[in-house]
Amino acid sequence: MPALCRDCLASDSTARWTARCPACGSPRVRTHPELFTLSIGHVDCDAFYASVEKRDDPSLAGKPVIIGGGTRGVVSTCCYIARQYGVRSAMPMFQAKKLCPDAVIIRPDMAKYVSVSKDIRVLMDALTPLVEPLSIDEAFLDLSGTEPLHKAPPALSLARFARQVEREIGVTISVGLSHNKFLAKMASDLDKPRGFAVIGAAETRDFLHDRPVSAIFGVGDVQAERLRRDGFQTIGDLQGVAISALIARYGDTGERLGRLAQGEDMRRVSTSRAMKSVSTETTFNADLSDLEPLSTELLALSERLAERLKAKGLVGDTVTLKLKSAGFRLRTRARALMIPTQLAATLYEAALALLAREIDGTAFRLIGIGVSGLAETDGVDPVDLVDRSVAQKAAAERAMDKVRQRFGRDAVIRGKLIGRSTARSAPKEPEDDS
């Protein structure tokens, strides 16, 4: 049986290992008949934001950590200790605090998390040119044909990578290895944290058979409930139906369900995933209805959004304002820009014009701003080159950026944000659409 030790990286294609590695005694041994023939990997950082915070503050080791803030916000993520108390991502903060009153709560620092993500990406690119990021903390990798380069099968290369990330970056990852993307992603969730799970081609149908239909990639709560009403409780139930019958009932979705239920996924690992939008939002501790406090929060969010765009080297040409009323009614308004930008001042001015039209006495519990129509930039905002009337503002903002990079975000604060009300929750950074 092919075997691999994830600690010392000893490997053997015909091993007769017991539960421990004969070289170092580690129990972190992975054996599988197809271990050294599979090449599609999915890498997922373990509780990424919380792991970065624990890395940077050793006093947090052994403590439950929640990334989020406020009383009406939601949990961005939490460490595995907090999860033992029942805390989960997207859970309301008030509920998380009740479940885990001793948790250390930290507001998210997206600039830091993006920086760490980039460091990990550099190591990924050294493994294979075929890297497909899904979000800030996970990606698909196709290691087909890399064995001559690394003098190791993909499984060993991924184990080396996991150890390198842990030692050099200071966070842990979980690896899923299989023969396609659907199963690789499913595998990476099987053995968290610090996991390494394998799903081989020969076992695919049996592996999927007893799993709920909600385990299929892309099947949300609504679709899962419809499938259950139609008699499909498990993936095995779908396996027993001809794909043509599923198409007749569900259209194109039926074909996709039928293929994935059989473990078939023809999607390639693509390096050309185009990000569609970047956004950020915040939920208030107390509802706001007046323009002045709402515009103050909008300016703070515009700065955070600009920070993320600059970190990614992107500009956008459409600004979207998001508002949610106290009664949970959602309003979205968009405005196209004449010139793509990544500048906070330009984003804020566009969103402020949209916000002013929505001030009608309605109390809002949430405000957000996003930008779409994204394109890469070489470090110069196009507005600098076209609209000379705002060149001075642009220069001032870039000077602020340099000071903040050196001394921290609070080293320079815009006048409007000085003394800003604390009656708000921590900003939430929605995942970038792609």
Protein backbone atom coordinates (compact mmCIF):
# COMPACT_ATOMS: atom_id res chain seq x y z
CA MET A 1 0.00 0.00 0.00
CA PRO A 2 1.47 3.41 -0.94
CA ALA A 3 2.16 5.41 2.23
CA LEU A 4 3.36 8.88 3.17
CA CYS A 5 4.35 10.48 6.47
CA ARG A 6 3.22 14.10 6.63
CA ASP A 7 5.76 15.00 9.31
CA CYS A 8 9.09 13.65 8.07
CA LEU A 9 7.87 13.14 4.44
CA ALA A 10 9.06 9.53 4.32
CA SER A 11 7.22 7.65 1.58
CA ASP A 12 7.00 4.14 0.18
CA SER A 13 5.00 2.87 -2.79
CA THR A 14 4.78 -0.65 -1.33
CA ALA A 15 4.79 0.08 2.39
CA ARG A 16 3.73 -2.31 5.11
CA TRP A 17 3.45 0.44 7.68
CA THR A 18 1.33 0.13 10.78
CA ALA A 19 -0.31 3.14 12.39
CA ARG A 20 2.98 5.04 12.76
CA CYS A 21 5.81 6.11 10.49
CA PRO A 22 8.76 3.71 10.85
CA ALA A 23 11.19 6.59 10.28
CA CYS A 24 10.00 9.16 12.84
CA GLY A 25 7.22 7.46 14.77
CA SER A 26 4.59 10.03 13.76
CA PRO A 27 0.95 8.91 13.63
CA ARG A 28 0.29 11.39 10.79
CA VAL A 29 0.58 8.72 8.11
CA ARG A 30 -1.57 8.67 4.98
CA THR A 31 -2.04 5.44 3.06
CA HIS A 32 -4.18 4.91 -0.03
CA PRO A 33 -4.04 2.63 -3.09
CA GLU A 34 -4.08 5.65 -5.47
CA LEU A 35 -1.99 7.98 -3.30
CA PHE A 36 0.79 8.45 -5.83
CA THR A 37 -1.31 8.53 -9.00
CA LEU A 38 -3.76 11.39 -8.22
CA SER A 39 -2.86 14.95 -9.18
CA ILE A 40 -5.77 17.38 -8.48
CA GLY A 41 -5.45 19.10 -5.12
CA HIS A 42 -7.57 21.50 -3.10
CA VAL A 43 -5.78 23.51 -0.42
CA ASP A 44 -7.77 25.20 2.34
CA CYS A 45 -6.28 27.22 5.20
CA ASP A 46 -7.56 26.23 8.64
CA ALA A 47 -9.60 29.01 10.33
CA PHE A 48 -7.42 31.40 8.35
CA TYR A 49 -8.09 34.79 9.95
CA ALA A 50 -7.96 33.36 13.46
CA SER A 51 -4.79 31.41 12.66
CA VAL A 52 -3.05 34.57 11.47
CA GLU A 53 -4.04 36.40 14.66
CA LYS A 54 -2.77 33.54 16.83
CA ARG A 55 0.46 33.47 14.86
CA ASP A 56 1.00 37.17 15.53
CA ASP A 57 0.02 37.02 19.21
CA PRO A 58 1.35 33.90 20.98
CA SER A 59 -0.67 34.78 24.08
CA LEU A 60 -3.78 33.67 22.16
CA ALA A 61 -2.57 30.08 21.94
CA GLY A 62 -5.02 27.79 23.68
CA LYS A 63 -7.72 30.47 23.81
CA PRO A 64 -10.98 30.62 21.85
CA VAL A 65 -10.66 33.38 19.24
CA ILE A 66 -13.50 34.92 17.24
CA ILE A 67 -12.90 37.27 14.32
CA GLY A 68 -15.77 39.73 14.15
CA GLY A 69 -17.10 42.42 16.43
CA GLY A 70 -20.01 44.40 17.74
CA THR A 71 -23.30 43.06 19.01
CA ARG A 72 -25.22 43.07 15.73
CA GLY A 73 -22.45 41.90 13.45
CA VAL A 74 -21.63 38.33 12.48
CA VAL A 75 -18.70 36.00 13.02
CA SER A 76 -16.23 36.20 10.14
CA THR A 77 -14.45 33.08 11.34
CA CYS A 78 -13.30 31.50 14.59
CA CYS A 79 -10.59 29.13 15.74
CA TYR A 80 -11.26 25.44 16.36
CA ILE A 81 -11.36 25.93 20.12
CA ALA A 82 -14.26 28.36 19.72
CA ARG A 83 -15.97 25.91 17.39
CA GLN A 84 -16.07 23.38 20.23
CA TYR A 85 -18.48 25.76 21.96
CA GLY A 86 -20.74 25.78 18.89
CA VAL A 87 -19.52 29.05 17.37
CA ARG A 88 -19.67 29.09 13.56
CA SER A 89 -18.95 31.48 10.72
CA ALA A 90 -21.83 33.86 9.85
CA MET A 91 -23.36 33.37 13.31
CA PRO A 92 -24.66 36.58 14.93
CA MET A 93 -22.07 37.95 17.36
CA PHE A 94 -24.51 38.14 20.27
CA GLN A 95 -25.17 34.42 19.91
CA ALA A 96 -21.46 33.60 19.63
CA LYS A 97 -20.76 35.57 22.83
CA LYS A 98 -23.45 33.62 24.67
CA LEU A 99 -22.01 30.31 23.53
CA CYS A 100 -18.42 31.28 24.28
CA PRO A 101 -18.33 34.19 26.77
CA ASP A 102 -14.57 33.83 27.36
CA ALA A 103 -13.67 34.18 23.69
CA VAL A 104 -11.12 36.77 22.59
CA ILE A 105 -12.87 38.88 19.95
CA ILE A 106 -10.71 40.55 17.29
CA ARG A 107 -11.85 42.88 14.55
CA PRO A 108 -10.80 41.65 11.08
CA ASP A 109 -7.64 43.10 9.53
CA MET A 110 -8.10 42.34 5.84
CA ALA A 111 -4.86 44.03 4.75
CA LYS A 112 -2.89 41.63 6.94
CA TYR A 113 -4.85 38.58 5.79
CA VAL A 114 -4.40 39.51 2.13
CA SER A 115 -0.66 39.88 2.69
CA VAL A 116 -0.40 36.41 4.23
CA SER A 117 -2.51 35.00 1.41
CA LYS A 118 -0.07 36.41 -1.11
CA ASP A 119 2.85 34.77 0.70
CA ILE A 120 1.08 31.40 0.49
CA ARG A 121 0.29 31.97 -3.18
CA VAL A 122 4.01 32.41 -3.92
CA LEU A 123 4.62 28.93 -2.53
CA MET A 124 1.72 27.54 -4.56
CA ASP A 125 3.13 29.00 -7.77
CA ALA A 126 6.42 27.23 -7.06
CA LEU A 127 4.54 23.93 -7.11
CA THR A 128 2.62 24.35 -10.37
CA PRO A 129 1.58 27.08 -12.80
CA LEU A 130 -1.97 25.70 -12.64
CA VAL A 131 -3.32 27.41 -9.52
CA GLU A 132 -6.98 28.47 -9.34
CA PRO A 133 -7.76 30.62 -6.28
CA LEU A 134 -11.30 30.31 -4.95
CA SER A 135 -10.98 32.89 -2.18
CA ILE A 136 -8.37 34.47 0.04
CA ASP A 137 -7.66 31.17 1.81
CA GLU A 138 -8.28 28.31 -0.65
CA ALA A 139 -7.30 27.21 -4.13
CA PHE A 140 -7.26 24.31 -6.57
CA LEU A 141 -3.91 23.04 -7.86
CA ASP A 142 -3.28 20.74 -10.82
CA LEU A 143 0.07 19.00 -10.35
CA SER A 144 -0.18 16.81 -13.44
CA GLY A 145 3.24 16.44 -15.04
CA THR A 146 5.14 18.02 -12.14
CA GLU A 147 6.75 14.81 -10.88
CA PRO A 148 9.94 15.17 -12.99
CA LEU A 149 10.36 18.77 -11.82
CA HIS A 150 9.91 18.09 -8.11
CA LYS A 151 11.24 14.52 -8.22
CA ALA A 152 8.16 13.55 -6.25
CA PRO A 153 4.55 12.54 -6.97
CA PRO A 154 1.90 15.21 -6.38
CA ALA A 155 0.94 13.77 -2.98
CA LEU A 156 4.47 14.20 -1.66
CA SER A 157 4.77 17.68 -3.18
CA LEU A 158 1.55 18.73 -1.45
CA ALA A 159 2.72 17.29 1.88
CA ARG A 160 5.96 19.25 1.53
CA PHE A 161 3.96 22.35 0.71
CA ALA A 162 1.73 21.94 3.79
CA ARG A 163 4.78 21.58 6.04
CA GLN A 164 6.48 24.57 4.39
CA VAL A 165 3.42 26.80 4.89
CA GLU A 166 3.22 25.82 8.55
CA ARG A 167 6.92 26.42 9.19
CA GLU A 168 7.52 29.52 7.07
CA ILE A 169 4.14 31.28 7.09
CA GLY A 170 2.94 30.14 10.50
CA VAL A 171 -0.56 28.93 9.61
CA THR A 172 -1.84 25.43 8.93
CA ILE A 173 -3.63 24.09 5.87
CA SER A 174 -5.68 21.05 4.95
CA VAL A 175 -5.19 19.24 1.65
CA GLY A 176 -7.67 17.28 -0.43
CA LEU A 177 -6.30 15.06 -3.23
CA SER A 178 -8.39 13.38 -5.90
CA HIS A 179 -8.94 12.92 -9.64
CA ASN A 180 -11.15 16.02 -10.12
CA LYS A 181 -12.00 19.36 -8.53
CA PHE A 182 -15.35 18.35 -7.02
CA LEU A 183 -13.84 15.49 -5.05
CA ALA A 184 -10.61 17.30 -4.16
CA LYS A 185 -12.61 20.08 -2.51
CA MET A 186 -14.78 17.55 -0.71
CA ALA A 187 -11.67 15.72 0.49
CA SER A 188 -10.09 18.82 2.02
CA ASP A 189 -12.99 19.07 4.49
CA LEU A 190 -12.69 15.47 5.71
CA ASP A 191 -9.68 15.77 8.00
CA LYS A 192 -9.47 19.34 9.33
CA PRO A 193 -7.36 20.87 10.76
CA ARG A 194 -3.89 19.98 9.39
CA GLY A 195 -5.61 17.38 7.26
CA PHE A 196 -4.62 15.38 4.21
CA ALA A 197 -7.46 13.32 2.74
CA VAL A 198 -7.61 11.29 -0.46
CA ILE A 199 -10.56 10.17 -2.59
CA GLY A 200 -9.55 7.75 -5.32
CA ALA A 201 -11.28 7.05 -8.62
CA ALA A 202 -12.08 3.45 -7.73
CA GLU A 203 -13.93 4.39 -4.54
CA THR A 204 -15.76 7.46 -5.85
CA ARG A 205 -19.29 6.08 -6.22
CA ASP A 206 -19.20 4.23 -2.91
CA PHE A 207 -17.73 7.24 -1.14
CA LEU A 208 -20.52 9.51 -2.40
CA HIS A 209 -23.38 7.03 -2.04
CA ASP A 210 -24.49 7.72 1.55
CA ARG A 211 -23.71 11.43 1.67
CA PRO A 212 -26.58 13.96 1.70
CA VAL A 213 -27.48 15.75 -1.51
CA SER A 214 -26.41 19.00 0.18
CA ALA A 215 -22.79 17.75 -0.06
CA ILE A 216 -22.86 18.32 -3.82
CA PHE A 217 -20.98 21.46 -4.76
CA GLY A 218 -23.44 24.27 -5.54
CA VAL A 219 -26.49 22.69 -3.91
CA GLY A 220 -27.79 25.26 -1.43
CA ASP A 221 -30.49 24.96 1.19
CA VAL A 222 -33.38 25.70 -1.18
CA GLN A 223 -32.31 23.22 -3.84
CA ALA A 224 -31.45 20.58 -1.24
CA GLU A 225 -34.94 20.89 0.24
CA ARG A 226 -36.53 20.52 -3.21
CA LEU A 227 -34.45 17.42 -3.91
CA ARG A 228 -35.49 15.94 -0.58
CA ARG A 229 -39.16 16.62 -1.35
CA ASP A 230 -38.66 14.83 -4.66
CA GLY A 231 -37.30 11.78 -2.86
CA PHE A 232 -33.57 12.42 -3.20
CA GLN A 233 -32.16 12.32 0.30
CA THR A 234 -28.68 11.07 -0.52
CA ILE A 235 -26.32 11.22 -3.46
CA GLY A 236 -26.92 7.51 -3.84
CA ASP A 237 -30.58 8.28 -4.60
CA LEU A 238 -29.41 10.42 -7.53
CA GLN A 239 -26.98 7.74 -8.67
CA GLY A 240 -29.87 5.38 -9.20
CA VAL A 241 -31.65 7.66 -11.68
CA ALA A 242 -30.73 8.06 -15.35
CA ILE A 243 -29.23 11.45 -16.18
CA SER A 244 -31.85 11.88 -18.92
CA ALA A 245 -34.58 11.61 -16.28
CA LEU A 246 -32.87 14.21 -14.10
CA ILE A 247 -32.59 16.54 -17.10
CA ALA A 248 -36.28 16.09 -17.81
CA ARG A 249 -37.10 17.11 -14.24
CA TYR A 250 -34.47 19.78 -13.50
CA GLY A 251 -33.15 20.89 -16.89
CA ASP A 252 -29.44 21.67 -17.17
CA THR A 253 -29.15 21.48 -13.41
CA GLY A 254 -30.30 17.87 -13.62
CA GLU A 255 -27.39 16.95 -15.86
CA ARG A 256 -24.95 18.62 -13.49
CA LEU A 257 -26.46 16.81 -10.51
CA GLY A 258 -26.35 13.49 -12.31
CA ARG A 259 -22.71 13.88 -13.37
CA LEU A 260 -21.50 14.99 -9.96
CA ALA A 261 -23.46 12.22 -8.23
CA GLN A 262 -21.39 9.78 -10.28
CA GLY A 263 -18.23 11.65 -9.30
CA GLU A 264 -17.76 13.08 -12.79
CA ASP A 265 -16.36 16.61 -13.03
CA MET A 266 -14.73 17.69 -16.29
CA ARG A 267 -13.82 21.20 -15.13
CA ARG A 268 -10.16 22.00 -15.52
CA VAL A 269 -8.10 23.90 -12.98
CA SER A 270 -8.19 27.36 -14.53
CA THR A 271 -5.77 30.21 -13.91
CA SER A 272 -8.06 32.73 -15.60
CA ARG A 273 -10.83 33.06 -13.02
CA ALA A 274 -11.94 36.67 -13.31
CA MET A 275 -12.90 38.39 -10.09
CA LYS A 276 -16.19 40.24 -10.64
CA SER A 277 -16.44 42.45 -7.59
CA VAL A 278 -14.97 43.39 -4.23
CA SER A 279 -17.11 44.71 -1.38
CA THR A 280 -17.24 45.44 2.33
CA GLU A 281 -20.09 46.23 4.71
CA THR A 282 -20.89 46.88 8.36
CA THR A 283 -23.88 46.29 10.61
CA PHE A 284 -24.67 48.97 13.20
CA ASN A 285 -25.28 48.36 16.89
CA ALA A 286 -28.03 50.99 16.67
CA ASP A 287 -30.03 51.83 13.53
CA LEU A 288 -29.03 55.01 11.66
CA SER A 289 -31.28 57.20 9.53
CA ASP A 290 -29.45 60.54 9.12
CA LEU A 291 -27.03 61.31 6.31
CA GLU A 292 -24.17 62.50 8.50
CA PRO A 293 -23.57 59.32 10.56
CA LEU A 294 -24.32 57.11 7.56
CA SER A 295 -21.87 59.02 5.38
CA THR A 296 -19.20 58.73 8.08
CA GLU A 297 -19.56 54.95 8.07
CA LEU A 298 -19.55 54.99 4.27
CA LEU A 299 -16.25 56.88 4.23
CA ALA A 300 -14.66 54.36 6.60
CA LEU A 301 -15.87 51.51 4.39
CA SER A 302 -14.62 53.28 1.26
CA GLU A 303 -11.16 53.42 2.78
CA ARG A 304 -11.26 49.71 3.58
CA LEU A 305 -12.48 48.91 0.08
CA ALA A 306 -9.74 51.02 -1.50
CA GLU A 307 -7.20 49.27 0.71
CA ARG A 308 -8.29 45.89 -0.62
CA LEU A 309 -8.27 47.06 -4.25
CA LYS A 310 -4.76 48.45 -3.87
CA ALA A 311 -3.56 45.25 -2.22
CA LYS A 312 -4.91 43.25 -5.17
CA GLY A 313 -3.67 45.70 -7.81
CA LEU A 314 -7.19 46.32 -9.15
CA VAL A 315 -9.37 49.21 -10.28
CA GLY A 316 -13.14 49.17 -10.83
CA ASP A 317 -15.59 51.18 -12.91
CA THR A 318 -18.94 50.62 -11.12
CA VAL A 319 -19.71 51.51 -7.49
CA THR A 320 -22.60 49.78 -5.71
CA LEU A 321 -24.22 51.01 -2.48
CA LYS A 322 -25.95 48.47 -0.24
CA LEU A 323 -28.42 49.38 2.50
CA LYS A 324 -30.51 47.11 4.73
CA SER A 325 -33.38 48.64 6.68
CA ALA A 326 -34.33 47.87 10.28
CA GLY A 327 -37.05 45.70 8.75
CA PHE A 328 -34.42 43.76 6.76
CA ARG A 329 -35.45 45.21 3.39
CA LEU A 330 -32.47 45.43 1.08
CA ARG A 331 -31.70 48.35 -1.23
CA THR A 332 -28.88 48.34 -3.78
CA ARG A 333 -27.97 51.25 -6.00
CA ALA A 334 -25.17 51.41 -8.57
CA ARG A 335 -23.31 54.15 -10.41
CA ALA A 336 -20.89 53.77 -13.31
CA LEU A 337 -17.67 55.80 -13.20
CA MET A 338 -16.25 57.56 -16.23
CA ILE A 339 -12.78 56.36 -15.25
CA PRO A 340 -11.95 53.14 -13.32
CA THR A 341 -10.43 53.80 -9.89
CA GLN A 342 -9.10 52.32 -6.66
CA LEU A 343 -9.03 55.63 -4.75
CA ALA A 344 -11.09 55.86 -1.57
CA ALA A 345 -12.07 59.47 -2.22
CA THR A 346 -13.47 58.69 -5.67
CA LEU A 347 -15.32 55.61 -4.45
CA TYR A 348 -16.77 57.56 -1.53
CA GLU A 349 -17.97 60.47 -3.63
CA ALA A 350 -19.80 58.15 -6.02
CA ALA A 351 -21.42 56.16 -3.21
CA LEU A 352 -22.29 59.32 -1.25
CA ALA A 353 -24.31 60.65 -4.19
CA LEU A 354 -26.27 57.38 -4.17
CA LEU A 355 -26.71 57.45 -0.40
CA ALA A 356 -28.07 61.02 -0.37
CA ARG A 357 -31.00 59.94 -2.53
CA GLU A 358 -31.96 57.18 -0.06
CA ILE A 359 -32.27 59.43 3.01
CA ASP A 360 -36.03 59.43 3.51
CA GLY A 361 -36.43 58.78 7.23
CA THR A 362 -35.82 55.03 6.90
CA ALA A 363 -33.69 53.56 9.68
CA PHE A 364 -30.87 51.37 8.39
CA ARG A 365 -29.11 48.56 10.21
CA LEU A 366 -26.44 47.90 7.56
CA ILE A 367 -24.49 49.80 4.94
CA GLY A 368 -22.06 48.44 2.37
CA ILE A 369 -20.07 49.51 -0.66
CA GLY A 370 -18.74 47.41 -3.53
CA VAL A 371 -16.97 47.93 -6.81
CA SER A 372 -17.25 45.86 -9.98
CA GLY A 373 -15.99 46.04 -13.55
CA LEU A 374 -12.55 45.15 -12.25
CA ALA A 375 -9.29 45.34 -14.15
CA GLU A 376 -5.64 45.05 -13.22
CA THR A 377 -3.53 48.17 -12.86
CA ASP A 378 0.21 48.70 -12.94
CA GLY A 379 0.08 50.74 -9.73
CA VAL A 380 -1.19 54.00 -11.25
CA ASP A 381 -4.87 54.81 -10.83
CA PRO A 382 -6.23 55.75 -14.29
CA VAL A 383 -7.82 58.86 -12.78
CA ASP A 384 -4.32 60.20 -12.16
CA LEU A 385 -3.64 60.16 -15.87
CA VAL A 386 -6.95 61.46 -17.20
CA ASP A 387 -8.53 63.83 -14.69
CA ARG A 388 -5.92 66.32 -13.59
CA SER A 389 -8.44 68.11 -11.38
CA VAL A 390 -8.24 65.28 -8.83
CA ALA A 391 -4.52 64.69 -9.11
CA GLN A 392 -3.92 66.55 -5.85
CA LYS A 393 -6.43 64.37 -3.98
CA ALA A 394 -4.88 61.26 -5.46
CA ALA A 395 -1.38 62.34 -4.43
CA ALA A 396 -2.59 63.09 -0.89
CA GLU A 397 -4.23 59.67 -0.61
CA ARG A 398 -1.12 57.86 -1.81
CA ALA A 399 0.94 59.80 0.71
CA MET A 400 -1.49 58.63 3.40
CA ASP A 401 -1.10 55.07 2.15
CA LYS A 402 2.68 55.22 2.55
CA VAL A 403 2.43 56.52 6.10
CA ARG A 404 -0.11 53.83 7.01
CA GLN A 405 2.01 51.08 5.49
CA ARG A 406 4.88 52.13 7.70
CA PHE A 407 3.12 53.07 10.94
CA GLY A 408 -0.27 51.35 10.78
CA ARG A 409 -3.79 52.20 9.65
CA ASP A 410 -4.44 54.60 12.54
CA ALA A 411 -1.36 56.70 11.84
CA VAL A 412 -3.40 58.95 9.54
CA ILE A 413 -7.13 59.51 10.05
CA ARG A 414 -9.36 61.63 7.86
CA GLY A 415 -10.93 64.55 9.71
CA LYS A 416 -14.46 63.25 9.18
CA LEU A 417 -13.55 60.00 10.92
CA ILE A 418 -12.01 61.57 14.04
CA GLY A 419 -14.27 60.89 17.00
CA ARG A 420 -16.34 58.51 14.92
CA SER A 421 -19.17 56.89 16.86
CA THR A 422 -18.47 53.48 18.33
CA ALA A 423 -22.14 52.47 18.03
CA ARG A 424 -21.36 50.11 15.20
CA SER A 425 -20.16 46.58 14.71
CA ALA A 426 -16.96 45.46 13.03
CA PRO A 427 -16.91 45.72 9.23
CA LYS A 428 -17.63 42.48 7.45
CA GLU A 429 -15.58 41.65 4.38
CA PRO A 430 -17.78 39.60 2.00
CA GLU A 431 -15.87 37.12 -0.10
CA ASP A 432 -14.81 38.51 -3.44
CA ASP A 433 -17.15 37.34 -6.18
CA SER A 434 -15.54 35.28 -8.90
